[in-house]
Each structure stands twice: as C-alpha cells, then as structure tokens.
Amino acid sequence: MPQNIRNNGRTALITGASRGLGLALARGLAARGWNLILTARDAERLRAVRDELAAVTHVAALAGDVTDRSHREALAVLARG
C-alpha cells in the first residue's frame, strides 16, 4: 500500500458525493482513513472526486441514480466487497 494512503478498516457509502455535503463528507472521511464507496448522478464530476480522494484512501465510485433499483443493487455488491 502506498505510504500516502491511510486506512482504518472502516467503509462508508456516500450518495451525492460529487458536490455539497456529500463531497464534504467524503473528503472528511477520506482524511480519517475510511474506505469510500461513492455515488452521484454526474459521472464526470464523480470521476474527478474519485481521482482526488484516491490519493488519500481506497475509493470505489459508481455513477448513477439511487432511485434506480439496479444501481442500488450494484452499490450493495460493492459494499459487500
């Protein structure tokens, strides 16, 4: 594992992670070493956030709408590891 990556063994799934409160939460938890599963509807912005936070912690990002059942199922697969 690269030296700049922190990991405390905890994982958070954050919706709306590409802006606002979701982004602020993702940044705060990343700084504390949480693994992150991020989702947001804007794929381009989510990619940028993933790239930013991947320098700090382990990040999985999946663009989509949480009102879509198949998207929620895909997030559940990521959460289970």
Protein backbone atom coordinates (compact mmCIF):
# COMPACT_ATOMS: atom_id res chain seq x y z
CA MET A 1 0.00 0.00 0.00
CA PRO A 2 1.46 3.43 -0.91
CA GLN A 3 2.65 5.44 2.09
CA ASN A 4 0.23 8.31 1.44
CA ILE A 5 -2.84 6.03 1.73
CA ARG A 6 -4.46 5.82 5.18
CA ASN A 7 -6.83 3.04 6.13
CA ASN A 8 -8.70 2.49 9.37
CA GLY A 9 -10.66 -0.55 8.13
CA ARG A 10 -14.00 1.28 8.02
CA THR A 11 -16.07 1.79 4.88
CA ALA A 12 -18.67 4.46 4.12
CA LEU A 13 -21.12 4.56 1.23
CA ILE A 14 -21.80 8.20 0.33
CA THR A 15 -24.53 9.35 -2.03
CA GLY A 16 -24.35 12.75 -3.69
CA ALA A 17 -20.58 12.56 -3.38
CA SER A 18 -19.74 14.85 -6.30
CA ARG A 19 -20.76 18.13 -4.61
CA GLY A 20 -22.08 19.82 -1.50
CA LEU A 21 -22.47 17.91 1.74
CA GLY A 22 -21.74 14.54 0.13
CA LEU A 23 -18.40 15.81 -1.16
CA ALA A 24 -17.54 17.44 2.16
CA LEU A 25 -18.33 14.20 3.99
CA ALA A 26 -16.27 12.16 1.53
CA ARG A 27 -13.27 14.46 1.96
CA GLY A 28 -13.56 14.40 5.74
CA LEU A 29 -13.81 10.63 5.97
CA ALA A 30 -11.00 10.15 3.45
CA ALA A 31 -8.75 12.30 5.63
CA ARG A 32 -9.59 9.99 8.53
CA GLY A 33 -8.66 6.86 6.60
CA TRP A 34 -12.11 5.50 5.72
CA ASN A 35 -12.57 3.36 2.60
CA LEU A 36 -15.15 5.04 0.40
CA ILE A 37 -17.87 3.88 -1.94
CA LEU A 38 -19.08 6.98 -3.74
CA THR A 39 -22.09 7.54 -5.93
CA ALA A 40 -23.54 10.54 -7.72
CA ARG A 41 -25.51 11.15 -10.91
CA ASP A 42 -22.82 13.28 -12.60
CA ALA A 43 -20.26 10.74 -13.85
CA GLU A 44 -17.66 13.33 -14.86
CA ARG A 45 -17.68 15.13 -11.51
CA LEU A 46 -17.69 11.81 -9.66
CA ARG A 47 -14.60 10.69 -11.60
CA ALA A 48 -12.80 13.88 -10.56
CA VAL A 49 -13.71 13.33 -6.91
CA ARG A 50 -12.63 9.69 -7.10
CA ASP A 51 -9.28 10.71 -8.55
CA GLU A 52 -8.80 13.38 -5.87
CA LEU A 53 -9.61 11.10 -2.94
CA ALA A 54 -7.81 8.03 -4.29
CA ALA A 55 -4.57 9.80 -3.40
CA VAL A 56 -5.68 9.62 0.25
CA THR A 57 -7.66 6.38 0.67
CA HIS A 58 -9.26 3.46 -1.14
CA VAL A 59 -12.16 4.66 -3.29
CA ALA A 60 -14.76 2.91 -5.45
CA ALA A 61 -17.09 5.16 -7.44
CA LEU A 62 -20.22 4.24 -9.35
CA ALA A 63 -22.20 6.90 -11.17
CA GLY A 64 -25.95 6.53 -11.22
CA ASP A 65 -29.25 7.37 -9.59
CA VAL A 66 -30.05 5.78 -6.24
CA THR A 67 -33.74 5.73 -7.16
CA ASP A 68 -32.82 3.08 -9.75
CA ARG A 69 -33.05 -0.40 -8.23
CA SER A 70 -30.24 -1.87 -10.34
CA HIS A 71 -27.93 0.95 -9.26
CA ARG A 72 -28.70 0.28 -5.60
CA GLU A 73 -28.03 -3.42 -6.16
CA ALA A 74 -24.65 -2.61 -7.75
CA LEU A 75 -23.77 -0.42 -4.77
CA ALA A 76 -24.69 -3.28 -2.44
CA VAL A 77 -22.30 -5.57 -4.32
CA LEU A 78 -19.50 -3.01 -3.84
CA ALA A 79 -20.35 -2.65 -0.16
CA ARG A 80 -20.14 -6.39 0.41
CA GLY A 81 -16.72 -6.43 -1.19
